């Protein structure tokens, strides 16, 4: 998965799609988020379960455990590979206690021109239904009354191998969970191995998605607006 996606609907719309029936620990907004070019390191609306209910927090896209931070260390990771995250020292603790969801509407991938590797064509990928989707994610985020920003806060999107036609666009894709599976993913009582099985066997299949080429303006993070997801001829 490349490092761009969209998150443009209102919080209430994502919650409506998630069909969350338990208590909420925040007052959802009905104003559109309007982000059509979400980039790494920026703050993203993230759904996670807390002691007092479901929260939606603004959390930086990119995670590193405390021991992997600091001068000379690699930058925070934006994606976590499903195949290795459960057993990896890097991800193990947040896989167990930091499962969360990224509500989104689609994501972008770039395909190299076979005749010129310096030229890349962006594609936009969304559900065929054009409904909101939920990326499985893991990370560290504010808990309870501790709403202070912290340098340890951050998240990564869980990815898996692509198959069928989507592999021609990119060999990795985000793990997109149907609403009923997404609700189960948030339950911190769920054992790590069971959460892995959910992500591995119950994610949306490639057949649920469609993709089309879009304009190259999305390559610049300064470019905004719904025009970025419009198909080109």
C-alpha atoms as a PDB file:
ATOM      1  CA  UNK A   1       0.000   0.000   0.000  1.00  0.00           C
ATOM      2  CA  UNK A   2       1.231   3.463  -0.865  1.00  0.00           C
ATOM      3  CA  UNK A   3       1.029   6.342   1.546  1.00  0.00           C
ATOM      4  CA  UNK A   4      -2.148   8.204   0.571  1.00  0.00           C
ATOM      5  CA  UNK A   5      -5.838   7.730   1.219  1.00  0.00           C
ATOM      6  CA  UNK A   6      -9.083   9.661   1.603  1.00  0.00           C
ATOM      7  CA  UNK A   7     -11.168  10.403   4.680  1.00  0.00           C
ATOM      8  CA  UNK A   8     -13.778  12.919   3.647  1.00  0.00           C
ATOM      9  CA  UNK A   9     -17.126  12.000   5.214  1.00  0.00           C
ATOM     10  CA  UNK A  10     -18.460  13.110   8.605  1.00  0.00           C
ATOM     11  CA  UNK A  11     -17.777  11.223  11.826  1.00  0.00           C
ATOM     12  CA  UNK A  12     -21.496  10.445  12.148  1.00  0.00           C
ATOM     13  CA  UNK A  13     -21.493   8.816   8.702  1.00  0.00           C
ATOM     14  CA  UNK A  14     -18.623   6.461   9.595  1.00  0.00           C
ATOM     15  CA  UNK A  15     -20.326   5.527  12.867  1.00  0.00           C
ATOM     16  CA  UNK A  16     -23.569   4.905  11.022  1.00  0.00           C
ATOM     17  CA  UNK A  17     -21.777   2.497   8.691  1.00  0.00           C
ATOM     18  CA  UNK A  18     -19.961   0.800  11.589  1.00  0.00           C
ATOM     19  CA  UNK A  19     -23.354   0.295  13.300  1.00  0.00           C
ATOM     20  CA  UNK A  20     -21.801   0.786  16.725  1.00  0.00           C
ATOM     21  CA  UNK A  21     -24.354  -0.015  19.466  1.00  0.00           C
ATOM     22  CA  UNK A  22     -22.183   0.386  22.592  1.00  0.00           C
ATOM     23  CA  UNK A  23     -21.515   3.677  24.476  1.00  0.00           C
ATOM     24  CA  UNK A  24     -19.602   6.519  22.838  1.00  0.00           C
ATOM     25  CA  UNK A  25     -16.947   8.507  24.695  1.00  0.00           C
ATOM     26  CA  UNK A  26     -17.178  11.493  22.330  1.00  0.00           C
ATOM     27  CA  UNK A  27     -19.777  13.598  20.569  1.00  0.00           C
ATOM     28  CA  UNK A  28     -19.545  12.761  16.837  1.00  0.00           C
ATOM     29  CA  UNK A  29     -19.551  15.646  14.392  1.00  0.00           C
ATOM     30  CA  UNK A  30     -21.825  15.874  11.372  1.00  0.00           C
ATOM     31  CA  UNK A  31     -19.362  18.120   9.510  1.00  0.00           C
ATOM     32  CA  UNK A  32     -17.487  16.506   6.631  1.00  0.00           C
ATOM     33  CA  UNK A  33     -13.801  15.837   7.295  1.00  0.00           C
ATOM     34  CA  UNK A  34     -13.073  16.679   3.641  1.00  0.00           C
ATOM     35  CA  UNK A  35      -9.615  15.130   3.341  1.00  0.00           C
ATOM     36  CA  UNK A  36      -8.906  13.815  -0.152  1.00  0.00           C
ATOM     37  CA  UNK A  37      -5.134  13.514   0.102  1.00  0.00           C
ATOM     38  CA  UNK A  38      -4.195  12.148   3.539  1.00  0.00           C
ATOM     39  CA  UNK A  39      -0.412  11.800   3.827  1.00  0.00           C
ATOM     40  CA  UNK A  40       1.901  10.137   6.372  1.00  0.00           C
ATOM     41  CA  UNK A  41       2.870  12.072   9.543  1.00  0.00           C
ATOM     42  CA  UNK A  42      -0.373  14.083   9.410  1.00  0.00           C
ATOM     43  CA  UNK A  43      -3.042  13.639  12.078  1.00  0.00           C
ATOM     44  CA  UNK A  44      -5.881  11.307  11.108  1.00  0.00           C
ATOM     45  CA  UNK A  45      -9.253  10.555  12.710  1.00  0.00           C
ATOM     46  CA  UNK A  46      -8.872   7.154  14.377  1.00  0.00           C
ATOM     47  CA  UNK A  47     -11.500   4.942  16.049  1.00  0.00           C
ATOM     48  CA  UNK A  48     -10.454   3.042  19.169  1.00  0.00           C
ATOM     49  CA  UNK A  49     -12.153   1.536  22.195  1.00  0.00           C
ATOM     50  CA  UNK A  50     -11.528   2.996  25.648  1.00  0.00           C
ATOM     51  CA  UNK A  51     -12.764   2.174  29.147  1.00  0.00           C
ATOM     52  CA  UNK A  52     -15.666   4.605  28.797  1.00  0.00           C
ATOM     53  CA  UNK A  53     -16.634   3.673  25.237  1.00  0.00           C
ATOM     54  CA  UNK A  54     -15.654   4.220  21.641  1.00  0.00           C
ATOM     55  CA  UNK A  55     -13.529   7.268  20.876  1.00  0.00           C
ATOM     56  CA  UNK A  56     -12.450   9.015  17.696  1.00  0.00           C
ATOM     57  CA  UNK A  57      -9.091  10.690  18.219  1.00  0.00           C
ATOM     58  CA  UNK A  58      -6.747  12.712  16.033  1.00  0.00           C
ATOM     59  CA  UNK A  59      -3.564  10.629  15.844  1.00  0.00           C
ATOM     60  CA  UNK A  60      -0.408  10.939  13.668  1.00  0.00           C
ATOM     61  CA  UNK A  61      -0.060   8.440  10.833  1.00  0.00           C
ATOM     62  CA  UNK A  62       3.160   6.606  11.649  1.00  0.00           C
ATOM     63  CA  UNK A  63       4.160   4.474  14.623  1.00  0.00           C
ATOM     64  CA  UNK A  64       7.385   3.444  16.335  1.00  0.00           C
ATOM     65  CA  UNK A  65       7.788   1.863  19.788  1.00  0.00           C
ATOM     66  CA  UNK A  66       9.599   4.033  22.332  1.00  0.00           C
ATOM     67  CA  UNK A  67      12.840   2.061  21.977  1.00  0.00           C
ATOM     68  CA  UNK A  68      12.892   2.617  18.211  1.00  0.00           C
ATOM     69  CA  UNK A  69      12.621   6.396  18.406  1.00  0.00           C
ATOM     70  CA  UNK A  70      15.373   8.978  18.493  1.00  0.00           C
ATOM     71  CA  UNK A  71      18.263  10.305  16.487  1.00  0.00           C
ATOM     72  CA  UNK A  72      19.631   7.876  13.964  1.00  0.00           C
ATOM     73  CA  UNK A  73      16.583   5.614  14.126  1.00  0.00           C
ATOM     74  CA  UNK A  74      14.371   4.829  11.166  1.00  0.00           C
ATOM     75  CA  UNK A  75      11.226   6.981  10.793  1.00  0.00           C
ATOM     76  CA  UNK A  76       7.933   5.697  12.195  1.00  0.00           C
ATOM     77  CA  UNK A  77       6.338   2.980  10.041  1.00  0.00           C
ATOM     78  CA  UNK A  78       3.056   3.783   8.278  1.00  0.00           C
ATOM     79  CA  UNK A  79       2.173   0.160   7.442  1.00  0.00           C
ATOM     80  CA  UNK A  80       2.398  -3.111   9.390  1.00  0.00           C
ATOM     81  CA  UNK A  81       2.560  -6.404   7.485  1.00  0.00           C
ATOM     82  CA  UNK A  82      -0.145  -8.823   8.604  1.00  0.00           C
ATOM     83  CA  UNK A  83       2.158 -11.765   7.951  1.00  0.00           C
ATOM     84  CA  UNK A  84       4.671 -10.719  10.621  1.00  0.00           C
ATOM     85  CA  UNK A  85       3.038  -8.151  12.929  1.00  0.00           C
ATOM     86  CA  UNK A  86       1.722 -10.588  15.541  1.00  0.00           C
ATOM     87  CA  UNK A  87       5.150 -12.023  16.363  1.00  0.00           C
ATOM     88  CA  UNK A  88       7.344  -9.017  15.551  1.00  0.00           C
ATOM     89  CA  UNK A  89       8.974  -7.292  18.534  1.00  0.00           C
ATOM     90  CA  UNK A  90       8.253  -3.978  16.816  1.00  0.00           C
ATOM     91  CA  UNK A  91       4.474  -4.522  16.704  1.00  0.00           C
ATOM     92  CA  UNK A  92       3.694  -7.167  19.314  1.00  0.00           C
ATOM     93  CA  UNK A  93       2.523  -4.930  22.171  1.00  0.00           C
ATOM     94  CA  UNK A  94       0.258  -2.687  20.071  1.00  0.00           C
ATOM     95  CA  UNK A  95      -1.200  -5.677  18.232  1.00  0.00           C
ATOM     96  CA  UNK A  96      -2.511  -6.841  21.591  1.00  0.00           C
ATOM     97  CA  UNK A  97      -3.507  -3.556  23.229  1.00  0.00           C
ATOM     98  CA  UNK A  98      -3.579  -0.985  20.434  1.00  0.00           C
ATOM     99  CA  UNK A  99      -5.939  -2.300  17.764  1.00  0.00           C
ATOM    100  CA  UNK A 100      -7.926   0.489  16.149  1.00  0.00           C
ATOM    101  CA  UNK A 101      -9.711   1.430  12.931  1.00  0.00           C
ATOM    102  CA  UNK A 102      -9.114   4.063  10.297  1.00  0.00           C
ATOM    103  CA  UNK A 103     -12.444   5.088   8.758  1.00  0.00           C
ATOM    104  CA  UNK A 104     -11.779   5.902   5.119  1.00  0.00           C
ATOM    105  CA  UNK A 105     -13.316   6.139   1.670  1.00  0.00           C
ATOM    106  CA  UNK A 106     -10.517   4.872  -0.571  1.00  0.00           C
ATOM    107  CA  UNK A 107      -6.787   4.902  -1.208  1.00  0.00           C
ATOM    108  CA  UNK A 108      -4.304   5.679  -3.970  1.00  0.00           C
ATOM    109  CA  UNK A 109      -1.625   3.589  -5.642  1.00  0.00           C
ATOM    110  CA  UNK A 110       0.894   4.495  -8.323  1.00  0.00           C
ATOM    111  CA  UNK A 111       1.795   2.269 -11.300  1.00  0.00           C
ATOM    112  CA  UNK A 112       5.059   2.701 -13.147  1.00  0.00           C
ATOM    113  CA  UNK A 113       4.962   3.343 -16.892  1.00  0.00           C
ATOM    114  CA  UNK A 114       6.488   0.212 -18.509  1.00  0.00           C
ATOM    115  CA  UNK A 115       8.361   2.423 -20.964  1.00  0.00           C
ATOM    116  CA  UNK A 116       9.577   5.010 -18.449  1.00  0.00           C
ATOM    117  CA  UNK A 117      10.069   4.054 -14.785  1.00  0.00           C
ATOM    118  CA  UNK A 118      10.187   7.728 -13.806  1.00  0.00           C
ATOM    119  CA  UNK A 119       6.588   8.184 -14.877  1.00  0.00           C
ATOM    120  CA  UNK A 120       3.831   6.843 -12.638  1.00  0.00           C
ATOM    121  CA  UNK A 121       0.080   6.799 -13.078  1.00  0.00           C
ATOM    122  CA  UNK A 122      -2.005   7.177  -9.879  1.00  0.00           C
ATOM    123  CA  UNK A 123      -5.073   5.003  -9.352  1.00  0.00           C
ATOM    124  CA  UNK A 124      -7.889   5.434  -6.851  1.00  0.00           C
ATOM    125  CA  UNK A 125      -9.320   2.317  -5.188  1.00  0.00           C
ATOM    126  CA  UNK A 126     -12.676   2.178  -3.417  1.00  0.00           C
ATOM    127  CA  UNK A 127     -15.467  -0.250  -2.588  1.00  0.00           C
ATOM    128  CA  UNK A 128     -17.768  -0.918  -5.537  1.00  0.00           C
ATOM    129  CA  UNK A 129     -20.597   0.259  -3.315  1.00  0.00           C
ATOM    130  CA  UNK A 130     -18.716   3.549  -2.720  1.00  0.00           C
ATOM    131  CA  UNK A 131     -19.505   3.073   0.985  1.00  0.00           C
ATOM    132  CA  UNK A 132     -17.100   3.995   3.811  1.00  0.00           C
ATOM    133  CA  UNK A 133     -14.515   1.365   4.717  1.00  0.00           C
ATOM    134  CA  UNK A 134     -12.504   0.522   7.816  1.00  0.00           C
ATOM    135  CA  UNK A 135      -8.774  -0.207   7.714  1.00  0.00           C
ATOM    136  CA  UNK A 136      -7.446  -2.486  10.424  1.00  0.00           C
ATOM    137  CA  UNK A 137      -4.788  -0.489  12.262  1.00  0.00           C
ATOM    138  CA  UNK A 138      -2.564  -0.705  15.341  1.00  0.00           C
ATOM    139  CA  UNK A 139      -0.852   1.953  17.386  1.00  0.00           C
ATOM    140  CA  UNK A 140      -0.631   4.024  20.519  1.00  0.00           C
ATOM    141  CA  UNK A 141      -3.161   6.758  21.227  1.00  0.00           C
ATOM    142  CA  UNK A 142      -4.656   8.853  24.068  1.00  0.00           C
ATOM    143  CA  UNK A 143      -6.545   6.900  26.726  1.00  0.00           C
ATOM    144  CA  UNK A 144      -9.239   7.972  29.189  1.00  0.00           C
ATOM    145  CA  UNK A 145      -8.813  11.488  30.529  1.00  0.00           C
ATOM    146  CA  UNK A 146      -5.239  11.696  29.255  1.00  0.00           C
ATOM    147  CA  UNK A 147      -5.922  13.635  26.061  1.00  0.00           C
ATOM    148  CA  UNK A 148      -2.499  15.274  25.948  1.00  0.00           C
ATOM    149  CA  UNK A 149      -0.499  14.965  22.752  1.00  0.00           C
ATOM    150  CA  UNK A 150       2.453  12.611  23.159  1.00  0.00           C
ATOM    151  CA  UNK A 151       5.421  11.815  20.944  1.00  0.00           C
ATOM    152  CA  UNK A 152       4.594   8.121  21.411  1.00  0.00           C
ATOM    153  CA  UNK A 153       1.158   8.504  19.811  1.00  0.00           C
ATOM    154  CA  UNK A 154       0.852   7.151  16.302  1.00  0.00           C
ATOM    155  CA  UNK A 155      -0.640   4.344  14.243  1.00  0.00           C
ATOM    156  CA  UNK A 156       0.071   2.126  11.255  1.00  0.00           C
ATOM    157  CA  UNK A 157      -2.337   0.525   8.796  1.00  0.00           C
ATOM    158  CA  UNK A 158      -2.252  -3.280   8.626  1.00  0.00           C
ATOM    159  CA  UNK A 159      -1.592  -4.529   5.088  1.00  0.00           C
ATOM    160  CA  UNK A 160      -1.786  -7.874   3.323  1.00  0.00           C
ATOM    161  CA  UNK A 161      -0.786  -9.250  -0.072  1.00  0.00           C
ATOM    162  CA  UNK A 162      -2.980  -8.275  -3.015  1.00  0.00           C
ATOM    163  CA  UNK A 163      -4.384 -10.855  -5.383  1.00  0.00           C
ATOM    164  CA  UNK A 164      -6.490 -11.093  -8.543  1.00  0.00           C
ATOM    165  CA  UNK A 165      -6.515  -7.921 -10.630  1.00  0.00           C
ATOM    166  CA  UNK A 166      -5.474  -5.567  -7.857  1.00  0.00           C
ATOM    167  CA  UNK A 167      -1.984  -7.067  -7.765  1.00  0.00           C
ATOM    168  CA  UNK A 168      -1.390  -5.332 -11.121  1.00  0.00           C
ATOM    169  CA  UNK A 169      -1.822  -2.009  -9.331  1.00  0.00           C
ATOM    170  CA  UNK A 170       0.168  -2.870  -6.187  1.00  0.00           C
ATOM    171  CA  UNK A 171       1.288  -6.052  -4.454  1.00  0.00           C
ATOM    172  CA  UNK A 172       0.068  -4.827  -1.035  1.00  0.00           C
ATOM    173  CA  UNK A 173      -3.275  -3.489   0.113  1.00  0.00           C
ATOM    174  CA  UNK A 174      -4.798  -2.332   3.403  1.00  0.00           C
ATOM    175  CA  UNK A 175      -6.753  -4.915   5.379  1.00  0.00           C
ATOM    176  CA  UNK A 176     -10.309  -3.596   4.978  1.00  0.00           C
ATOM    177  CA  UNK A 177     -12.738  -5.052   7.521  1.00  0.00           C
ATOM    178  CA  UNK A 178     -16.522  -5.311   7.011  1.00  0.00           C
ATOM    179  CA  UNK A 179     -18.413  -3.477   9.769  1.00  0.00           C
ATOM    180  CA  UNK A 180     -19.271  -6.582  11.833  1.00  0.00           C
ATOM    181  CA  UNK A 181     -15.651  -7.765  11.733  1.00  0.00           C
ATOM    182  CA  UNK A 182     -14.381  -4.236  12.405  1.00  0.00           C
ATOM    183  CA  UNK A 183     -16.423  -4.054  15.614  1.00  0.00           C
ATOM    184  CA  UNK A 184     -14.914  -7.344  16.788  1.00  0.00           C
ATOM    185  CA  UNK A 185     -11.389  -6.154  15.900  1.00  0.00           C
ATOM    186  CA  UNK A 186     -11.751  -3.279  18.387  1.00  0.00           C
ATOM    187  CA  UNK A 187     -12.388  -5.596  21.333  1.00  0.00           C
ATOM    188  CA  UNK A 188      -9.196  -5.612  23.427  1.00  0.00           C
ATOM    189  CA  UNK A 189     -10.339  -8.845  25.084  1.00  0.00           C
ATOM    190  CA  UNK A 190      -9.878 -10.620  21.758  1.00  0.00           C
ATOM    191  CA  UNK A 191      -6.647 -12.685  21.822  1.00  0.00           C
ATOM    192  CA  UNK A 192      -3.916 -11.622  19.419  1.00  0.00           C
ATOM    193  CA  UNK A 193      -4.179 -14.870  17.435  1.00  0.00           C
ATOM    194  CA  UNK A 194      -7.941 -14.439  17.014  1.00  0.00           C
ATOM    195  CA  UNK A 195      -7.456 -10.872  15.809  1.00  0.00           C
ATOM    196  CA  UNK A 196      -4.938 -12.149  13.263  1.00  0.00           C
ATOM    197  CA  UNK A 197      -7.456 -14.735  12.047  1.00  0.00           C
ATOM    198  CA  UNK A 198     -10.072 -11.998  11.624  1.00  0.00           C
ATOM    199  CA  UNK A 199      -7.734  -9.884   9.527  1.00  0.00           C
ATOM    200  CA  UNK A 200      -6.464 -12.841   7.509  1.00  0.00           C
ATOM    201  CA  UNK A 201      -9.715 -14.634   6.746  1.00  0.00           C
ATOM    202  CA  UNK A 202     -12.552 -12.130   7.092  1.00  0.00           C
ATOM    203  CA  UNK A 203     -11.314  -8.973   5.353  1.00  0.00           C
ATOM    204  CA  UNK A 204     -13.013  -7.624   2.241  1.00  0.00           C
ATOM    205  CA  UNK A 205     -11.887  -9.607  -0.848  1.00  0.00           C
ATOM    206  CA  UNK A 206     -10.456  -7.923  -3.921  1.00  0.00           C
ATOM    207  CA  UNK A 207     -13.774  -8.578  -5.691  1.00  0.00           C
ATOM    208  CA  UNK A 208     -15.377  -5.952  -3.409  1.00  0.00           C
ATOM    209  CA  UNK A 209     -13.247  -3.139  -4.889  1.00  0.00           C
ATOM    210  CA  UNK A 210     -12.995  -1.117  -8.059  1.00  0.00           C
ATOM    211  CA  UNK A 211     -10.158   1.088  -9.249  1.00  0.00           C
ATOM    212  CA  UNK A 212      -9.556   3.692 -11.912  1.00  0.00           C
ATOM    213  CA  UNK A 213      -6.871   6.139 -12.930  1.00  0.00           C
ATOM    214  CA  UNK A 214      -6.961   9.694 -11.623  1.00  0.00           C
ATOM    215  CA  UNK A 215      -5.037  12.888 -12.282  1.00  0.00           C
ATOM    216  CA  UNK A 216      -1.438  13.276 -11.173  1.00  0.00           C
ATOM    217  CA  UNK A 217      -2.242  16.254  -8.950  1.00  0.00           C
ATOM    218  CA  UNK A 218      -2.634  13.837  -6.039  1.00  0.00           C
ATOM    219  CA  UNK A 219       1.138  13.372  -6.097  1.00  0.00           C
ATOM    220  CA  UNK A 220       1.524  16.759  -4.404  1.00  0.00           C
ATOM    221  CA  UNK A 221       0.341  16.716  -0.766  1.00  0.00           C
ATOM    222  CA  UNK A 222      -0.567  20.394  -1.064  1.00  0.00           C
ATOM    223  CA  UNK A 223      -3.353  19.549  -3.507  1.00  0.00           C
ATOM    224  CA  UNK A 224      -6.778  19.076  -1.936  1.00  0.00           C
ATOM    225  CA  UNK A 225     -10.412  18.617  -2.874  1.00  0.00           C
ATOM    226  CA  UNK A 226     -12.810  16.107  -4.430  1.00  0.00           C
ATOM    227  CA  UNK A 227     -11.384  16.649  -7.891  1.00  0.00           C
ATOM    228  CA  UNK A 228      -8.473  14.386  -6.921  1.00  0.00           C
ATOM    229  CA  UNK A 229     -10.696  11.270  -6.942  1.00  0.00           C
ATOM    230  CA  UNK A 230     -12.402  12.009 -10.250  1.00  0.00           C
ATOM    231  CA  UNK A 231     -11.591   9.475 -13.007  1.00  0.00           C
ATOM    232  CA  UNK A 232      -9.717  10.648 -16.069  1.00  0.00           C
ATOM    233  CA  UNK A 233     -10.323   9.479 -19.643  1.00  0.00           C
END
